[in-house]
Amino acid sequence: MVAIEKNNGDGYRFILKSESGQTLLSSIPFPNESEVQKSLQTLKNLKKIPIGFERKTDNEGKFLFNIKDDTGSLIGHSELYTSEAGMENGIKNLKNRIYRLSDLGEL
């Protein structure tokens, strides 16, 4: 599921969720819905265009990843994971979810 939300005063963002409702990716704020749609199109083209996954550790030792488009611009970020393996599994789940939503025409 992809939900597009209007933020209080700073535009729009999207949230990509798993089938069970867990948040897989939260986007950065975009100024308008058109920019949200452009970023979703970038995700849809994940099979054709390599998108960068930037793996990070926060100051408390938890793991997260950012996803960037082919120009290096930030699209969104993951939730926090307690292990590196959990983060890698999150990336795998996100890719699979994007492929599935794209194949169903829901992205």
Foldseek 3Di string as FASTA:
>chain_A
DKDWDADVPQAIWIFDADPVGHTLKTFDHDNYVVVRVVLLVQLLCCVPAPWDWAWDADPVRWIKIFIGGPVRHTTTIGDTHRDPVVRVVSVVRSNVSSPVCSVVVND
